[in-house]
Amino acid sequence: MADEGVLIKKALKEDQLVFGTDRTVKLLKQGQLKKVYYSINCPESLVAELEHYGKLAGVEVVRLNKPNNELGTFCKKPFSINVLGLR
């Protein structure tokens, strides 16, 4: 997570992150994302969907070693985050 954490922090400052499953999947289907991150406790059905669309779009899908509540805190948000998209 160290390298990914730095990349996420930088993207957060530059407003390049998309939060939430629905928005991330929509942009992933449209090929508008460079990378997708998901929390360690993300539901398996969602992980399978992300990996499927990631493969079709040629986008790397990365599992983070943080649960969704810690990922929300890491991104300075007052809510849990399962999925992040990097534009």
C-alpha atoms as a PDB file:
ATOM      1  CA  MET A   1       0.000   0.000   0.000  1.00  0.00           C
ATOM      2  CA  ALA A   2       2.956   2.317   0.463  1.00  0.00           C
ATOM      3  CA  ASP A   3       3.467   3.066  -3.245  1.00  0.00           C
ATOM      4  CA  GLU A   4      -0.273   2.905  -3.969  1.00  0.00           C
ATOM      5  CA  GLY A   5      -0.905   5.140  -0.959  1.00  0.00           C
ATOM      6  CA  VAL A   6       1.398   7.814  -2.354  1.00  0.00           C
ATOM      7  CA  LEU A   7      -0.298   7.579  -5.738  1.00  0.00           C
ATOM      8  CA  ILE A   8      -3.762   7.826  -4.151  1.00  0.00           C
ATOM      9  CA  LYS A   9      -2.721  10.839  -2.017  1.00  0.00           C
ATOM     10  CA  LYS A  10      -1.365  12.606  -5.099  1.00  0.00           C
ATOM     11  CA  ALA A  11      -4.499  11.837  -7.124  1.00  0.00           C
ATOM     12  CA  LEU A  12      -6.646  13.069  -4.227  1.00  0.00           C
ATOM     13  CA  LYS A  13      -4.835  16.421  -4.226  1.00  0.00           C
ATOM     14  CA  GLU A  14      -5.202  16.716  -8.010  1.00  0.00           C
ATOM     15  CA  ASP A  15      -8.908  15.754  -7.893  1.00  0.00           C
ATOM     16  CA  GLN A  16      -8.392  12.696 -10.116  1.00  0.00           C
ATOM     17  CA  LEU A  17     -10.232  10.163  -7.950  1.00  0.00           C
ATOM     18  CA  VAL A  18     -13.756   8.886  -8.405  1.00  0.00           C
ATOM     19  CA  PHE A  19     -15.450   7.539  -5.260  1.00  0.00           C
ATOM     20  CA  GLY A  20     -18.127   4.890  -5.200  1.00  0.00           C
ATOM     21  CA  THR A  21     -19.061   1.721  -6.972  1.00  0.00           C
ATOM     22  CA  ASP A  22     -21.656   3.070  -9.398  1.00  0.00           C
ATOM     23  CA  ARG A  23     -19.567   5.967 -10.734  1.00  0.00           C
ATOM     24  CA  THR A  24     -16.414   3.868 -10.919  1.00  0.00           C
ATOM     25  CA  VAL A  25     -18.076   0.997 -12.806  1.00  0.00           C
ATOM     26  CA  LYS A  26     -19.759   3.436 -15.199  1.00  0.00           C
ATOM     27  CA  LEU A  27     -16.456   5.179 -16.024  1.00  0.00           C
ATOM     28  CA  LEU A  28     -14.669   1.827 -16.222  1.00  0.00           C
ATOM     29  CA  LYS A  29     -17.178   0.604 -18.830  1.00  0.00           C
ATOM     30  CA  GLN A  30     -16.605   3.828 -20.787  1.00  0.00           C
ATOM     31  CA  GLY A  31     -12.813   3.368 -20.678  1.00  0.00           C
ATOM     32  CA  GLN A  32     -12.254   6.626 -18.802  1.00  0.00           C
ATOM     33  CA  LEU A  33     -10.157   5.274 -15.924  1.00  0.00           C
ATOM     34  CA  LYS A  34      -6.444   4.499 -15.663  1.00  0.00           C
ATOM     35  CA  LYS A  35      -6.662   2.308 -12.560  1.00  0.00           C
ATOM     36  CA  VAL A  36      -9.229   0.946 -10.106  1.00  0.00           C
ATOM     37  CA  TYR A  37      -8.639   0.268  -6.404  1.00  0.00           C
ATOM     38  CA  TYR A  38     -10.843  -1.709  -4.035  1.00  0.00           C
ATOM     39  CA  SER A  39     -10.790  -2.359  -0.287  1.00  0.00           C
ATOM     40  CA  ILE A  40      -9.724  -5.644   1.263  1.00  0.00           C
ATOM     41  CA  ASN A  41     -13.297  -6.328   2.452  1.00  0.00           C
ATOM     42  CA  CYS A  42     -15.003  -5.456  -0.837  1.00  0.00           C
ATOM     43  CA  PRO A  43     -17.718  -8.027  -1.729  1.00  0.00           C
ATOM     44  CA  GLU A  44     -16.446 -10.797  -4.019  1.00  0.00           C
ATOM     45  CA  SER A  45     -19.261 -10.261  -6.522  1.00  0.00           C
ATOM     46  CA  LEU A  46     -18.170  -6.640  -6.931  1.00  0.00           C
ATOM     47  CA  VAL A  47     -14.502  -7.644  -7.242  1.00  0.00           C
ATOM     48  CA  ALA A  48     -15.423 -10.075 -10.036  1.00  0.00           C
ATOM     49  CA  GLU A  49     -17.359  -7.317 -11.834  1.00  0.00           C
ATOM     50  CA  LEU A  50     -14.470  -4.844 -11.486  1.00  0.00           C
ATOM     51  CA  GLU A  51     -11.942  -7.379 -12.755  1.00  0.00           C
ATOM     52  CA  HIS A  52     -14.181  -8.311 -15.691  1.00  0.00           C
ATOM     53  CA  TYR A  53     -14.677  -4.728 -16.867  1.00  0.00           C
ATOM     54  CA  GLY A  54     -11.056  -3.892 -16.046  1.00  0.00           C
ATOM     55  CA  LYS A  55      -9.876  -6.676 -18.319  1.00  0.00           C
ATOM     56  CA  LEU A  56     -12.173  -5.509 -21.134  1.00  0.00           C
ATOM     57  CA  ALA A  57     -10.986  -1.899 -20.783  1.00  0.00           C
ATOM     58  CA  GLY A  58      -7.313  -2.791 -20.250  1.00  0.00           C
ATOM     59  CA  VAL A  59      -7.340  -1.137 -16.820  1.00  0.00           C
ATOM     60  CA  GLU A  60      -5.396  -2.452 -13.835  1.00  0.00           C
ATOM     61  CA  VAL A  61      -7.585  -3.414 -10.858  1.00  0.00           C
ATOM     62  CA  VAL A  62      -5.708  -3.305  -7.546  1.00  0.00           C
ATOM     63  CA  ARG A  63      -6.665  -4.751  -4.160  1.00  0.00           C
ATOM     64  CA  LEU A  64      -5.616  -2.517  -1.271  1.00  0.00           C
ATOM     65  CA  ASN A  65      -4.667  -3.824   2.170  1.00  0.00           C
ATOM     66  CA  LYS A  66      -7.148  -1.536   3.909  1.00  0.00           C
ATOM     67  CA  PRO A  67     -10.770  -2.209   4.872  1.00  0.00           C
ATOM     68  CA  ASN A  68     -13.392   0.170   3.496  1.00  0.00           C
ATOM     69  CA  ASN A  69     -13.685   2.229   6.710  1.00  0.00           C
ATOM     70  CA  GLU A  70      -9.913   2.870   6.814  1.00  0.00           C
ATOM     71  CA  LEU A  71      -9.894   3.683   3.091  1.00  0.00           C
ATOM     72  CA  GLY A  72     -12.522   6.365   3.735  1.00  0.00           C
ATOM     73  CA  THR A  73     -10.401   7.832   6.524  1.00  0.00           C
ATOM     74  CA  PHE A  74      -7.262   7.631   4.367  1.00  0.00           C
ATOM     75  CA  CYS A  75      -9.049   9.674   1.672  1.00  0.00           C
ATOM     76  CA  LYS A  76     -10.307  12.152   4.309  1.00  0.00           C
ATOM     77  CA  LYS A  77     -13.950  11.260   3.720  1.00  0.00           C
ATOM     78  CA  PRO A  78     -16.611  10.835   6.444  1.00  0.00           C
ATOM     79  CA  PHE A  79     -17.807   7.553   4.927  1.00  0.00           C
ATOM     80  CA  SER A  80     -16.518   4.093   3.999  1.00  0.00           C
ATOM     81  CA  ILE A  81     -15.122   3.580   0.505  1.00  0.00           C
ATOM     82  CA  ASN A  82     -15.109   0.187  -1.228  1.00  0.00           C
ATOM     83  CA  VAL A  83     -14.028   1.330  -4.672  1.00  0.00           C
ATOM     84  CA  LEU A  84     -11.860   4.141  -6.055  1.00  0.00           C
ATOM     85  CA  GLY A  85     -11.263   4.993  -9.686  1.00  0.00           C
ATOM     86  CA  LEU A  86      -8.231   6.925 -10.941  1.00  0.00           C
ATOM     87  CA  ARG A  87      -8.832   9.143 -13.946  1.00  0.00           C
END
